[in-house]
């Protein structure tokens, strides 16, 4: 069974920063694109960011562009989401995911998921 493990969530004030981490099994990390999604209470899970397996190209949801940065550390098989200038509307459970299709925002294209980490931004 493939386990993706997120960490780094927490409570932060508006304008603050957090860095989420996702530890990925090596064989998955080497062969899959990685993405971050989030789900606010009572809402659907939505795309946040993705990074390709090969050239490291990235793509972001408009709502986080310029504030969030996705990165992958090949030596540690870990993907990160650096979140700056956080807003209350960023409050959600954040999930990392691995998928065989690069540069996709569609959650059904992702094959493996973590259990999520809570991010709460207070106003």
PDB file of N, CA and C in Angstrom:
ATOM      1  N   UNK A   1       0.849  -1.197   0.000  1.00  0.00           N
ATOM      2  CA  UNK A   1       0.000   0.000   0.000  1.00  0.00           C
ATOM      3  C   UNK A   1       0.882   1.244   0.000  1.00  0.00           C
ATOM      4  N   UNK A   2       0.545   2.190  -0.856  1.00  0.00           N
ATOM      5  CA  UNK A   2       1.329   3.402  -0.989  1.00  0.00           C
ATOM      6  C   UNK A   2       0.851   4.424   0.029  1.00  0.00           C
ATOM      7  N   UNK A   3       1.809   4.963   0.789  1.00  0.00           N
ATOM      8  CA  UNK A   3       1.474   5.967   1.796  1.00  0.00           C
ATOM      9  C   UNK A   3       2.184   7.268   1.492  1.00  0.00           C
ATOM     10  N   UNK A   4       1.408   8.318   1.349  1.00  0.00           N
ATOM     11  CA  UNK A   4       1.936   9.666   1.273  1.00  0.00           C
ATOM     12  C   UNK A   4       1.618  10.329   2.611  1.00  0.00           C
ATOM     13  N   UNK A   5       2.613  10.944   3.220  1.00  0.00           N
ATOM     14  CA  UNK A   5       2.430  11.487   4.555  1.00  0.00           C
ATOM     15  C   UNK A   5       2.706  12.984   4.563  1.00  0.00           C
ATOM     16  N   UNK A   6       1.637  13.761   4.800  1.00  0.00           N
ATOM     17  CA  UNK A   6       1.776  15.213   4.876  1.00  0.00           C
ATOM     18  C   UNK A   6       2.100  15.651   6.301  1.00  0.00           C
ATOM     19  N   UNK A   7       2.766  16.790   6.394  1.00  0.00           N
ATOM     20  CA  UNK A   7       3.037  17.409   7.693  1.00  0.00           C
ATOM     21  C   UNK A   7       3.212  18.902   7.483  1.00  0.00           C
ATOM     22  N   UNK A   8       3.209  19.645   8.597  1.00  0.00           N
ATOM     23  CA  UNK A   8       3.486  21.076   8.521  1.00  0.00           C
ATOM     24  C   UNK A   8       2.281  21.981   8.644  1.00  0.00           C
ATOM     25  N   UNK A   9       1.107  21.409   8.720  1.00  0.00           N
ATOM     26  CA  UNK A   9      -0.077  22.248   8.886  1.00  0.00           C
ATOM     27  C   UNK A   9      -0.134  22.867  10.273  1.00  0.00           C
ATOM     28  N   UNK A  10      -1.083  23.780  10.444  1.00  0.00           N
ATOM     29  CA  UNK A  10      -1.237  24.410  11.747  1.00  0.00           C
ATOM     30  C   UNK A  10      -2.089  25.651  11.666  1.00  0.00           C
ATOM     31  N   UNK A  11      -2.028  26.435  12.739  1.00  0.00           N
ATOM     32  CA  UNK A  11      -2.791  27.682  12.852  1.00  0.00           C
ATOM     33  C   UNK A  11      -1.836  28.849  12.635  1.00  0.00           C
ATOM     34  N   UNK A  12      -2.234  29.773  11.773  1.00  0.00           N
ATOM     35  CA  UNK A  12      -1.409  30.933  11.475  1.00  0.00           C
ATOM     36  C   UNK A  12      -2.303  32.143  11.273  1.00  0.00           C
ATOM     37  N   UNK A  13      -1.767  33.309  11.536  1.00  0.00           N
ATOM     38  CA  UNK A  13      -2.544  34.533  11.337  1.00  0.00           C
ATOM     39  C   UNK A  13      -2.508  34.964   9.877  1.00  0.00           C
ATOM     40  N   UNK A  14      -3.465  35.772   9.504  1.00  0.00           N
ATOM     41  CA  UNK A  14      -3.497  36.344   8.157  1.00  0.00           C
ATOM     42  C   UNK A  14      -2.166  37.029   7.848  1.00  0.00           C
ATOM     43  N   UNK A  15      -1.649  36.733   6.657  1.00  0.00           N
ATOM     44  CA  UNK A  15      -0.359  37.286   6.251  1.00  0.00           C
ATOM     45  C   UNK A  15       0.826  36.422   6.606  1.00  0.00           C
ATOM     46  N   UNK A  16       0.605  35.387   7.387  1.00  0.00           N
ATOM     47  CA  UNK A  16       1.689  34.517   7.811  1.00  0.00           C
ATOM     48  C   UNK A  16       2.051  33.479   6.758  1.00  0.00           C
ATOM     49  N   UNK A  17       2.986  32.605   7.131  1.00  0.00           N
ATOM     50  CA  UNK A  17       3.500  31.594   6.214  1.00  0.00           C
ATOM     51  C   UNK A  17       3.511  30.217   6.879  1.00  0.00           C
ATOM     52  N   UNK A  18       3.395  29.203   6.054  1.00  0.00           N
ATOM     53  CA  UNK A  18       3.564  27.821   6.473  1.00  0.00           C
ATOM     54  C   UNK A  18       4.228  27.065   5.335  1.00  0.00           C
ATOM     55  N   UNK A  19       4.958  26.008   5.691  1.00  0.00           N
ATOM     56  CA  UNK A  19       5.495  25.114   4.668  1.00  0.00           C
ATOM     57  C   UNK A  19       5.003  23.713   4.944  1.00  0.00           C
ATOM     58  N   UNK A  20       4.274  23.174   3.981  1.00  0.00           N
ATOM     59  CA  UNK A  20       3.803  21.806   4.063  1.00  0.00           C
ATOM     60  C   UNK A  20       4.819  20.871   3.409  1.00  0.00           C
ATOM     61  N   UNK A  21       4.937  19.691   3.982  1.00  0.00           N
ATOM     62  CA  UNK A  21       5.814  18.664   3.420  1.00  0.00           C
ATOM     63  C   UNK A  21       5.001  17.410   3.155  1.00  0.00           C
ATOM     64  N   UNK A  22       5.443  16.643   2.182  1.00  0.00           N
ATOM     65  CA  UNK A  22       4.790  15.361   1.878  1.00  0.00           C
ATOM     66  C   UNK A  22       5.880  14.344   1.565  1.00  0.00           C
ATOM     67  N   UNK A  23       6.010  13.354   2.421  1.00  0.00           N
ATOM     68  CA  UNK A  23       6.976  12.279   2.213  1.00  0.00           C
ATOM     69  C   UNK A  23       6.352  11.210   1.322  1.00  0.00           C
ATOM     70  N   UNK A  24       7.082  10.830   0.293  1.00  0.00           N
ATOM     71  CA  UNK A  24       6.547   9.945  -0.746  1.00  0.00           C
ATOM     72  C   UNK A  24       7.472   8.737  -0.902  1.00  0.00           C
ATOM     73  N   UNK A  25       6.931   7.543  -1.023  1.00  0.00           N
ATOM     74  CA  UNK A  25       7.793   6.385  -1.306  1.00  0.00           C
ATOM     75  C   UNK A  25       8.600   6.629  -2.575  1.00  0.00           C
ATOM     76  N   UNK A  26       9.881   6.215  -2.541  1.00  0.00           N
ATOM     77  CA  UNK A  26      10.785   6.527  -3.635  1.00  0.00           C
ATOM     78  C   UNK A  26      10.297   6.091  -5.002  1.00  0.00           C
ATOM     79  N   UNK A  27       9.753   4.910  -5.100  1.00  0.00           N
ATOM     80  CA  UNK A  27       9.353   4.401  -6.420  1.00  0.00           C
ATOM     81  C   UNK A  27       8.186   5.208  -6.987  1.00  0.00           C
ATOM     82  N   UNK A  28       7.395   5.776  -6.119  1.00  0.00           N
ATOM     83  CA  UNK A  28       6.298   6.638  -6.576  1.00  0.00           C
ATOM     84  C   UNK A  28       6.851   8.003  -6.959  1.00  0.00           C
ATOM     85  N   UNK A  29       7.697   8.546  -6.081  1.00  0.00           N
ATOM     86  CA  UNK A  29       8.234   9.874  -6.318  1.00  0.00           C
ATOM     87  C   UNK A  29       8.984   9.951  -7.646  1.00  0.00           C
ATOM     88  N   UNK A  30       9.729   8.913  -7.968  1.00  0.00           N
ATOM     89  CA  UNK A  30      10.536   8.921  -9.195  1.00  0.00           C
ATOM     90  C   UNK A  30       9.695   8.839 -10.462  1.00  0.00           C
ATOM     91  N   UNK A  31       8.497   8.326 -10.350  1.00  0.00           N
ATOM     92  CA  UNK A  31       7.715   8.018 -11.547  1.00  0.00           C
ATOM     93  C   UNK A  31       6.432   8.813 -11.718  1.00  0.00           C
ATOM     94  N   UNK A  32       6.129   9.685 -10.753  1.00  0.00           N
ATOM     95  CA  UNK A  32       4.861  10.382 -10.797  1.00  0.00           C
ATOM     96  C   UNK A  32       5.041  11.893 -10.657  1.00  0.00           C
ATOM     97  N   UNK A  33       4.155  12.619 -11.301  1.00  0.00           N
ATOM     98  CA  UNK A  33       4.009  14.038 -10.999  1.00  0.00           C
ATOM     99  C   UNK A  33       3.360  14.178  -9.628  1.00  0.00           C
ATOM    100  N   UNK A  34       3.630  15.299  -8.981  1.00  0.00           N
ATOM    101  CA  UNK A  34       3.087  15.531  -7.638  1.00  0.00           C
ATOM    102  C   UNK A  34       2.197  16.755  -7.632  1.00  0.00           C
ATOM    103  N   UNK A  35       1.176  16.693  -6.798  1.00  0.00           N
ATOM    104  CA  UNK A  35       0.262  17.819  -6.712  1.00  0.00           C
ATOM    105  C   UNK A  35      -0.210  18.062  -5.294  1.00  0.00           C
ATOM    106  N   UNK A  36      -0.746  19.247  -5.072  1.00  0.00           N
ATOM    107  CA  UNK A  36      -1.408  19.604  -3.816  1.00  0.00           C
ATOM    108  C   UNK A  36      -2.836  20.023  -4.134  1.00  0.00           C
ATOM    109  N   UNK A  37      -3.742  19.547  -3.309  1.00  0.00           N
ATOM    110  CA  UNK A  37      -5.149  19.925  -3.372  1.00  0.00           C
ATOM    111  C   UNK A  37      -5.567  20.387  -1.982  1.00  0.00           C
ATOM    112  N   UNK A  38      -6.720  21.014  -1.903  1.00  0.00           N
ATOM    113  CA  UNK A  38      -7.245  21.401  -0.596  1.00  0.00           C
ATOM    114  C   UNK A  38      -8.763  21.268  -0.592  1.00  0.00           C
ATOM    115  N   UNK A  39      -9.284  21.083   0.616  1.00  0.00           N
ATOM    116  CA  UNK A  39     -10.716  20.924   0.792  1.00  0.00           C
ATOM    117  C   UNK A  39     -11.160  21.687   2.025  1.00  0.00           C
ATOM    118  N   UNK A  40     -11.969  22.685   1.800  1.00  0.00           N
ATOM    119  CA  UNK A  40     -12.542  23.458   2.894  1.00  0.00           C
ATOM    120  C   UNK A  40     -13.824  22.771   3.363  1.00  0.00           C
ATOM    121  N   UNK A  41     -14.256  23.041   4.601  1.00  0.00           N
ATOM    122  CA  UNK A  41     -15.463  22.393   5.123  1.00  0.00           C
ATOM    123  C   UNK A  41     -16.672  22.625   4.220  1.00  0.00           C
ATOM    124  N   UNK A  42     -17.342  21.541   3.871  1.00  0.00           N
ATOM    125  CA  UNK A  42     -18.545  21.640   3.065  1.00  0.00           C
ATOM    126  C   UNK A  42     -18.313  21.908   1.597  1.00  0.00           C
ATOM    127  N   UNK A  43     -17.053  21.868   1.175  1.00  0.00           N
ATOM    128  CA  UNK A  43     -16.744  22.156  -0.227  1.00  0.00           C
ATOM    129  C   UNK A  43     -15.996  20.994  -0.857  1.00  0.00           C
ATOM    130  N   UNK A  44     -15.920  21.031  -2.170  1.00  0.00           N
ATOM    131  CA  UNK A  44     -15.202  19.981  -2.888  1.00  0.00           C
ATOM    132  C   UNK A  44     -13.695  20.193  -2.774  1.00  0.00           C
ATOM    133  N   UNK A  45     -12.974  19.103  -2.992  1.00  0.00           N
ATOM    134  CA  UNK A  45     -11.520  19.161  -3.025  1.00  0.00           C
ATOM    135  C   UNK A  45     -11.090  19.845  -4.326  1.00  0.00           C
ATOM    136  N   UNK A  46     -10.220  20.839  -4.223  1.00  0.00           N
ATOM    137  CA  UNK A  46      -9.837  21.609  -5.401  1.00  0.00           C
ATOM    138  C   UNK A  46      -8.318  21.644  -5.575  1.00  0.00           C
ATOM    139  N   UNK A  47      -7.923  21.857  -6.789  1.00  0.00           N
ATOM    140  CA  UNK A  47      -6.524  21.883  -7.163  1.00  0.00           C
ATOM    141  C   UNK A  47      -5.827  23.111  -6.607  1.00  0.00           C
ATOM    142  N   UNK A  48      -4.576  22.929  -6.164  1.00  0.00           N
ATOM    143  CA  UNK A  48      -3.763  24.045  -5.692  1.00  0.00           C
ATOM    144  C   UNK A  48      -2.523  24.224  -6.570  1.00  0.00           C
ATOM    145  N   UNK A  49      -1.748  23.151  -6.716  1.00  0.00           N
ATOM    146  CA  UNK A  49      -0.480  23.262  -7.454  1.00  0.00           C
ATOM    147  C   UNK A  49      -0.021  21.885  -7.884  1.00  0.00           C
ATOM    148  N   UNK A  50       0.802  21.857  -8.932  1.00  0.00           N
ATOM    149  CA  UNK A  50       1.387  20.603  -9.378  1.00  0.00           C
ATOM    150  C   UNK A  50       2.801  20.855  -9.904  1.00  0.00           C
ATOM    151  N   UNK A  51       3.625  19.818  -9.818  1.00  0.00           N
ATOM    152  CA  UNK A  51       4.996  19.882 -10.321  1.00  0.00           C
ATOM    153  C   UNK A  51       5.290  18.607 -11.083  1.00  0.00           C
ATOM    154  N   UNK A  52       5.920  18.767 -12.224  1.00  0.00           N
ATOM    155  CA  UNK A  52       6.132  17.596 -13.079  1.00  0.00           C
ATOM    156  C   UNK A  52       7.250  16.719 -12.541  1.00  0.00           C
ATOM    157  N   UNK A  53       7.245  15.488 -13.021  1.00  0.00           N
ATOM    158  CA  UNK A  53       8.273  14.528 -12.625  1.00  0.00           C
ATOM    159  C   UNK A  53       9.599  14.815 -13.312  1.00  0.00           C
ATOM    160  N   UNK A  54       9.543  15.310 -14.529  1.00  0.00           N
ATOM    161  CA  UNK A  54      10.731  15.360 -15.379  1.00  0.00           C
ATOM    162  C   UNK A  54      11.474  16.694 -15.296  1.00  0.00           C
ATOM    163  N   UNK A  55      10.827  17.767 -15.740  1.00  0.00           N
ATOM    164  CA  UNK A  55      11.552  19.038 -15.843  1.00  0.00           C
ATOM    165  C   UNK A  55      11.262  19.995 -14.695  1.00  0.00           C
ATOM    166  N   UNK A  56      10.450  19.558 -13.749  1.00  0.00           N
ATOM    167  CA  UNK A  56      10.171  20.416 -12.593  1.00  0.00           C
ATOM    168  C   UNK A  56       9.260  21.582 -12.890  1.00  0.00           C
ATOM    169  N   UNK A  57       8.603  21.554 -14.033  1.00  0.00           N
ATOM    170  CA  UNK A  57       7.696  22.653 -14.341  1.00  0.00           C
ATOM    171  C   UNK A  57       6.506  22.627 -13.394  1.00  0.00           C
ATOM    172  N   UNK A  58       5.988  23.800 -13.105  1.00  0.00           N
ATOM    173  CA  UNK A  58       4.932  23.947 -12.113  1.00  0.00           C
ATOM    174  C   UNK A  58       3.716  24.642 -12.696  1.00  0.00           C
ATOM    175  N   UNK A  59       2.601  24.433 -12.021  1.00  0.00           N
ATOM    176  CA  UNK A  59       1.358  25.081 -12.429  1.00  0.00           C
ATOM    177  C   UNK A  59       0.531  25.310 -11.179  1.00  0.00           C
ATOM    178  N   UNK A  60      -0.139  26.471 -11.103  1.00  0.00           N
ATOM    179  CA  UNK A  60      -0.858  26.853  -9.899  1.00  0.00           C
ATOM    180  C   UNK A  60      -2.289  27.272 -10.200  1.00  0.00           C
ATOM    181  N   UNK A  61      -3.137  27.088  -9.218  1.00  0.00           N
ATOM    182  CA  UNK A  61      -4.463  27.675  -9.278  1.00  0.00           C
ATOM    183  C   UNK A  61      -4.321  29.189  -9.208  1.00  0.00           C
ATOM    184  N   UNK A  62      -5.207  29.898  -9.875  1.00  0.00           N
ATOM    185  CA  UNK A  62      -5.133  31.354  -9.888  1.00  0.00           C
ATOM    186  C   UNK A  62      -5.205  31.935  -8.474  1.00  0.00           C
ATOM    187  N   UNK A  63      -5.947  31.273  -7.601  1.00  0.00           N
ATOM    188  CA  UNK A  63      -6.156  31.804  -6.259  1.00  0.00           C
ATOM    189  C   UNK A  63      -4.892  31.809  -5.405  1.00  0.00           C
ATOM    190  N   UNK A  64      -3.886  31.025  -5.793  1.00  0.00           N
ATOM    191  CA  UNK A  64      -2.664  30.953  -4.990  1.00  0.00           C
ATOM    192  C   UNK A  64      -1.432  31.424  -5.743  1.00  0.00           C
ATOM    193  N   UNK A  65      -1.586  31.723  -7.012  1.00  0.00           N
ATOM    194  CA  UNK A  65      -0.447  32.123  -7.843  1.00  0.00           C
ATOM    195  C   UNK A  65       0.237  33.362  -7.248  1.00  0.00           C
ATOM    196  N   UNK A  66       1.548  33.292  -7.151  1.00  0.00           N
ATOM    197  CA  UNK A  66       2.309  34.391  -6.576  1.00  0.00           C
ATOM    198  C   UNK A  66       2.460  34.326  -5.072  1.00  0.00           C
ATOM    199  N   UNK A  67       1.698  33.452  -4.416  1.00  0.00           N
ATOM    200  CA  UNK A  67       1.779  33.323  -2.953  1.00  0.00           C
ATOM    201  C   UNK A  67       2.313  31.948  -2.538  1.00  0.00           C
ATOM    202  N   UNK A  68       1.972  30.917  -3.303  1.00  0.00           N
ATOM    203  CA  UNK A  68       2.374  29.554  -2.974  1.00  0.00           C
ATOM    204  C   UNK A  68       3.441  29.083  -3.956  1.00  0.00           C
ATOM    205  N   UNK A  69       4.331  28.226  -3.475  1.00  0.00           N
ATOM    206  CA  UNK A  69       5.367  27.643  -4.316  1.00  0.00           C
ATOM    207  C   UNK A  69       5.465  26.150  -4.036  1.00  0.00           C
ATOM    208  N   UNK A  70       5.362  25.353  -5.093  1.00  0.00           N
ATOM    209  CA  UNK A  70       5.536  23.913  -4.964  1.00  0.00           C
ATOM    210  C   UNK A  70       6.949  23.550  -5.398  1.00  0.00           C
ATOM    211  N   UNK A  71       7.551  22.621  -4.687  1.00  0.00           N
ATOM    212  CA  UNK A  71       8.906  22.196  -5.009  1.00  0.00           C
ATOM    213  C   UNK A  71       9.075  20.731  -4.643  1.00  0.00           C
ATOM    214  N   UNK A  72      10.037  20.077  -5.277  1.00  0.00           N
ATOM    215  CA  UNK A  72      10.297  18.687  -4.939  1.00  0.00           C
ATOM    216  C   UNK A  72      11.790  18.502  -4.683  1.00  0.00           C
ATOM    217  N   UNK A  73      12.096  17.717  -3.662  1.00  0.00           N
ATOM    218  CA  UNK A  73      13.473  17.380  -3.323  1.00  0.00           C
ATOM    219  C   UNK A  73      13.694  15.927  -3.702  1.00  0.00           C
ATOM    220  N   UNK A  74      14.412  15.699  -4.786  1.00  0.00           N
ATOM    221  CA  UNK A  74      14.580  14.339  -5.292  1.00  0.00           C
ATOM    222  C   UNK A  74      15.391  13.470  -4.331  1.00  0.00           C
ATOM    223  N   UNK A  75      16.319  14.075  -3.624  1.00  0.00           N
ATOM    224  CA  UNK A  75      17.144  13.297  -2.705  1.00  0.00           C
ATOM    225  C   UNK A  75      16.339  12.791  -1.507  1.00  0.00           C
ATOM    226  N   UNK A  76      15.323  13.530  -1.134  1.00  0.00           N
ATOM    227  CA  UNK A  76      14.524  13.163   0.043  1.00  0.00           C
ATOM    228  C   UNK A  76      13.167  12.578  -0.330  1.00  0.00           C
ATOM    229  N   UNK A  77      12.863  12.488  -1.608  1.00  0.00           N
ATOM    230  CA  UNK A  77      11.545  12.004  -2.058  1.00  0.00           C
ATOM    231  C   UNK A  77      10.425  12.755  -1.338  1.00  0.00           C
ATOM    232  N   UNK A  78      10.553  14.043  -1.321  1.00  0.00           N
ATOM    233  CA  UNK A  78       9.606  14.892  -0.599  1.00  0.00           C
ATOM    234  C   UNK A  78       9.158  16.033  -1.496  1.00  0.00           C
ATOM    235  N   UNK A  79       7.897  16.368  -1.405  1.00  0.00           N
ATOM    236  CA  UNK A  79       7.360  17.519  -2.112  1.00  0.00           C
ATOM    237  C   UNK A  79       6.895  18.529  -1.073  1.00  0.00           C
ATOM    238  N   UNK A  80       7.099  19.801  -1.369  1.00  0.00           N
ATOM    239  CA  UNK A  80       6.789  20.876  -0.439  1.00  0.00           C
ATOM    240  C   UNK A  80       5.769  21.825  -1.045  1.00  0.00           C
ATOM    241  N   UNK A  81       5.071  22.500  -0.158  1.00  0.00           N
ATOM    242  CA  UNK A  81       4.224  23.611  -0.561  1.00  0.00           C
ATOM    243  C   UNK A  81       4.512  24.754   0.397  1.00  0.00           C
ATOM    244  N   UNK A  82       5.230  25.747  -0.106  1.00  0.00           N
ATOM    245  CA  UNK A  82       5.500  26.952   0.669  1.00  0.00           C
ATOM    246  C   UNK A  82       4.345  27.917   0.467  1.00  0.00           C
ATOM    247  N   UNK A  83       3.716  28.301   1.565  1.00  0.00           N
ATOM    248  CA  UNK A  83       2.534  29.159   1.490  1.00  0.00           C
ATOM    249  C   UNK A  83       2.835  30.464   2.212  1.00  0.00           C
ATOM    250  N   UNK A  84       2.804  31.548   1.475  1.00  0.00           N
ATOM    251  CA  UNK A  84       3.052  32.877   2.019  1.00  0.00           C
ATOM    252  C   UNK A  84       1.816  33.743   1.881  1.00  0.00           C
ATOM    253  N   UNK A  85       1.806  34.837   2.609  1.00  0.00           N
ATOM    254  CA  UNK A  85       0.690  35.793   2.549  1.00  0.00           C
ATOM    255  C   UNK A  85      -0.651  35.074   2.691  1.00  0.00           C
ATOM    256  N   UNK A  86      -0.753  34.243   3.683  1.00  0.00           N
ATOM    257  CA  UNK A  86      -1.944  33.422   3.851  1.00  0.00           C
ATOM    258  C   UNK A  86      -3.164  34.267   4.189  1.00  0.00           C
ATOM    259  N   UNK A  87      -4.308  33.798   3.697  1.00  0.00           N
ATOM    260  CA  UNK A  87      -5.583  34.474   3.884  1.00  0.00           C
ATOM    261  C   UNK A  87      -6.554  33.510   4.574  1.00  0.00           C
ATOM    262  N   UNK A  88      -7.578  34.044   5.224  1.00  0.00           N
ATOM    263  CA  UNK A  88      -8.573  33.147   5.850  1.00  0.00           C
ATOM    264  C   UNK A  88      -9.183  32.165   4.857  1.00  0.00           C
ATOM    265  N   UNK A  89      -9.350  32.562   3.620  1.00  0.00           N
ATOM    266  CA  UNK A  89      -9.938  31.673   2.612  1.00  0.00           C
ATOM    267  C   UNK A  89      -8.999  30.539   2.207  1.00  0.00           C
ATOM    268  N   UNK A  90      -7.766  30.547   2.673  1.00  0.00           N
ATOM    269  CA  UNK A  90      -6.866  29.421   2.457  1.00  0.00           C
ATOM    270  C   UNK A  90      -7.093  28.305   3.483  1.00  0.00           C
ATOM    271  N   UNK A  91      -7.921  28.552   4.463  1.00  0.00           N
ATOM    272  CA  UNK A  91      -8.206  27.541   5.476  1.00  0.00           C
ATOM    273  C   UNK A  91      -8.825  26.309   4.831  1.00  0.00           C
ATOM    274  N   UNK A  92      -8.208  25.152   5.072  1.00  0.00           N
ATOM    275  CA  UNK A  92      -8.656  23.901   4.453  1.00  0.00           C
ATOM    276  C   UNK A  92      -7.775  22.763   4.954  1.00  0.00           C
ATOM    277  N   UNK A  93      -8.192  21.556   4.633  1.00  0.00           N
ATOM    278  CA  UNK A  93      -7.304  20.411   4.749  1.00  0.00           C
ATOM    279  C   UNK A  93      -6.540  20.299   3.431  1.00  0.00           C
ATOM    280  N   UNK A  94      -5.233  20.203   3.530  1.00  0.00           N
ATOM    281  CA  UNK A  94      -4.379  20.142   2.344  1.00  0.00           C
ATOM    282  C   UNK A  94      -3.900  18.715   2.132  1.00  0.00           C
ATOM    283  N   UNK A  95      -4.025  18.263   0.896  1.00  0.00           N
ATOM    284  CA  UNK A  95      -3.658  16.903   0.531  1.00  0.00           C
ATOM    285  C   UNK A  95      -2.573  16.913  -0.543  1.00  0.00           C
ATOM    286  N   UNK A  96      -1.582  16.051  -0.397  1.00  0.00           N
ATOM    287  CA  UNK A  96      -0.675  15.847  -1.516  1.00  0.00           C
ATOM    288  C   UNK A  96      -1.106  14.596  -2.268  1.00  0.00           C
ATOM    289  N   UNK A  97      -0.739  14.555  -3.540  1.00  0.00           N
ATOM    290  CA  UNK A  97      -1.186  13.471  -4.407  1.00  0.00           C
ATOM    291  C   UNK A  97      -0.128  13.197  -5.468  1.00  0.00           C
ATOM    292  N   UNK A  98      -0.123  11.966  -5.951  1.00  0.00           N
ATOM    293  CA  UNK A  98       0.797  11.552  -7.006  1.00  0.00           C
ATOM    294  C   UNK A  98      -0.002  11.030  -8.190  1.00  0.00           C
ATOM    295  N   UNK A  99       0.381  11.471  -9.378  1.00  0.00           N
ATOM    296  CA  UNK A  99      -0.349  11.060 -10.563  1.00  0.00           C
ATOM    297  C   UNK A  99       0.571  10.822 -11.741  1.00  0.00           C
ATOM    298  N   UNK A 100       0.136   9.953 -12.637  1.00  0.00           N
ATOM    299  CA  UNK A 100       0.957   9.613 -13.799  1.00  0.00           C
ATOM    300  C   UNK A 100       0.886  10.683 -14.877  1.00  0.00           C
ATOM    301  N   UNK A 101      -0.107  11.557 -14.816  1.00  0.00           N
ATOM    302  CA  UNK A 101      -0.285  12.590 -15.833  1.00  0.00           C
ATOM    303  C   UNK A 101       0.282  13.896 -15.304  1.00  0.00           C
ATOM    304  N   UNK A 102       1.168  14.502 -16.062  1.00  0.00           N
ATOM    305  CA  UNK A 102       1.768  15.759 -15.639  1.00  0.00           C
ATOM    306  C   UNK A 102       0.850  16.937 -15.958  1.00  0.00           C
ATOM    307  N   UNK A 103       1.020  17.982 -15.179  1.00  0.00           N
ATOM    308  CA  UNK A 103       0.381  19.273 -15.444  1.00  0.00           C
ATOM    309  C   UNK A 103      -1.138  19.152 -15.502  1.00  0.00           C
ATOM    310  N   UNK A 104      -1.703  18.327 -14.678  1.00  0.00           N
ATOM    311  CA  UNK A 104      -3.146  18.196 -14.652  1.00  0.00           C
ATOM    312  C   UNK A 104      -3.710  18.745 -13.354  1.00  0.00           C
ATOM    313  N   UNK A 105      -4.863  19.400 -13.465  1.00  0.00           N
ATOM    314  CA  UNK A 105      -5.542  19.946 -12.296  1.00  0.00           C
ATOM    315  C   UNK A 105      -6.700  19.051 -11.852  1.00  0.00           C
ATOM    316  N   UNK A 106      -6.910  17.959 -12.556  1.00  0.00           N
ATOM    317  CA  UNK A 106      -8.069  17.094 -12.334  1.00  0.00           C
ATOM    318  C   UNK A 106      -7.743  16.072 -11.255  1.00  0.00           C
ATOM    319  N   UNK A 107      -8.509  16.093 -10.162  1.00  0.00           N
ATOM    320  CA  UNK A 107      -8.155  15.207  -9.045  1.00  0.00           C
ATOM    321  C   UNK A 107      -8.274  13.738  -9.402  1.00  0.00           C
ATOM    322  N   UNK A 108      -9.150  13.382 -10.355  1.00  0.00           N
ATOM    323  CA  UNK A 108      -9.283  11.982 -10.739  1.00  0.00           C
ATOM    324  C   UNK A 108      -8.064  11.464 -11.508  1.00  0.00           C
ATOM    325  N   UNK A 109      -7.184  12.364 -11.919  1.00  0.00           N
ATOM    326  CA  UNK A 109      -5.960  11.955 -12.611  1.00  0.00           C
ATOM    327  C   UNK A 109      -4.858  11.558 -11.646  1.00  0.00           C
ATOM    328  N   UNK A 110      -5.104  11.741 -10.363  1.00  0.00           N
ATOM    329  CA  UNK A 110      -4.099  11.411  -9.362  1.00  0.00           C
ATOM    330  C   UNK A 110      -4.430  10.061  -8.735  1.00  0.00           C
ATOM    331  N   UNK A 111      -3.399   9.243  -8.600  1.00  0.00           N
ATOM    332  CA  UNK A 111      -3.597   7.850  -8.199  1.00  0.00           C
ATOM    333  C   UNK A 111      -3.419   7.612  -6.699  1.00  0.00           C
ATOM    334  N   UNK A 112      -2.550   8.375  -6.078  1.00  0.00           N
ATOM    335  CA  UNK A 112      -2.239   8.159  -4.664  1.00  0.00           C
ATOM    336  C   UNK A 112      -2.429   9.472  -3.902  1.00  0.00           C
ATOM    337  N   UNK A 113      -2.928   9.339  -2.671  1.00  0.00           N
ATOM    338  CA  UNK A 113      -3.261  10.507  -1.855  1.00  0.00           C
ATOM    339  C   UNK A 113      -2.758  10.312  -0.432  1.00  0.00           C
ATOM    340  N   UNK A 114      -2.404  11.441   0.180  1.00  0.00           N
ATOM    341  CA  UNK A 114      -2.131  11.430   1.598  1.00  0.00           C
ATOM    342  C   UNK A 114      -3.418  11.612   2.388  1.00  0.00           C
ATOM    343  N   UNK A 115      -3.285  11.609   3.703  1.00  0.00           N
ATOM    344  CA  UNK A 115      -4.450  11.724   4.572  1.00  0.00           C
ATOM    345  C   UNK A 115      -4.803  13.173   4.880  1.00  0.00           C
ATOM    346  N   UNK A 116      -3.928  14.094   4.530  1.00  0.00           N
ATOM    347  CA  UNK A 116      -4.243  15.502   4.683  1.00  0.00           C
ATOM    348  C   UNK A 116      -3.669  16.122   5.946  1.00  0.00           C
ATOM    349  N   UNK A 117      -3.473  17.427   5.875  1.00  0.00           N
ATOM    350  CA  UNK A 117      -3.019  18.196   7.031  1.00  0.00           C
ATOM    351  C   UNK A 117      -3.816  19.496   7.087  1.00  0.00           C
ATOM    352  N   UNK A 118      -4.256  19.843   8.282  1.00  0.00           N
ATOM    353  CA  UNK A 118      -5.140  20.996   8.449  1.00  0.00           C
ATOM    354  C   UNK A 118      -4.341  22.287   8.467  1.00  0.00           C
ATOM    355  N   UNK A 119      -4.806  23.251   7.694  1.00  0.00           N
ATOM    356  CA  UNK A 119      -4.258  24.612   7.716  1.00  0.00           C
ATOM    357  C   UNK A 119      -5.398  25.551   8.079  1.00  0.00           C
ATOM    358  N   UNK A 120      -5.194  26.325   9.130  1.00  0.00           N
ATOM    359  CA  UNK A 120      -6.198  27.280   9.570  1.00  0.00           C
ATOM    360  C   UNK A 120      -5.563  28.661   9.621  1.00  0.00           C
ATOM    361  N   UNK A 121      -6.196  29.606   8.937  1.00  0.00           N
ATOM    362  CA  UNK A 121      -5.690  30.979   8.903  1.00  0.00           C
ATOM    363  C   UNK A 121      -6.700  31.863   9.621  1.00  0.00           C
ATOM    364  N   UNK A 122      -6.269  32.473  10.683  1.00  0.00           N
ATOM    365  CA  UNK A 122      -7.170  33.316  11.473  1.00  0.00           C
ATOM    366  C   UNK A 122      -7.112  34.757  10.978  1.00  0.00           C
ATOM    367  N   UNK A 123      -8.254  35.419  11.095  1.00  0.00           N
ATOM    368  CA  UNK A 123      -8.336  36.812  10.621  1.00  0.00           C
ATOM    369  C   UNK A 123      -7.990  37.788  11.731  1.00  0.00           C
TER     370      UNK A 123
END
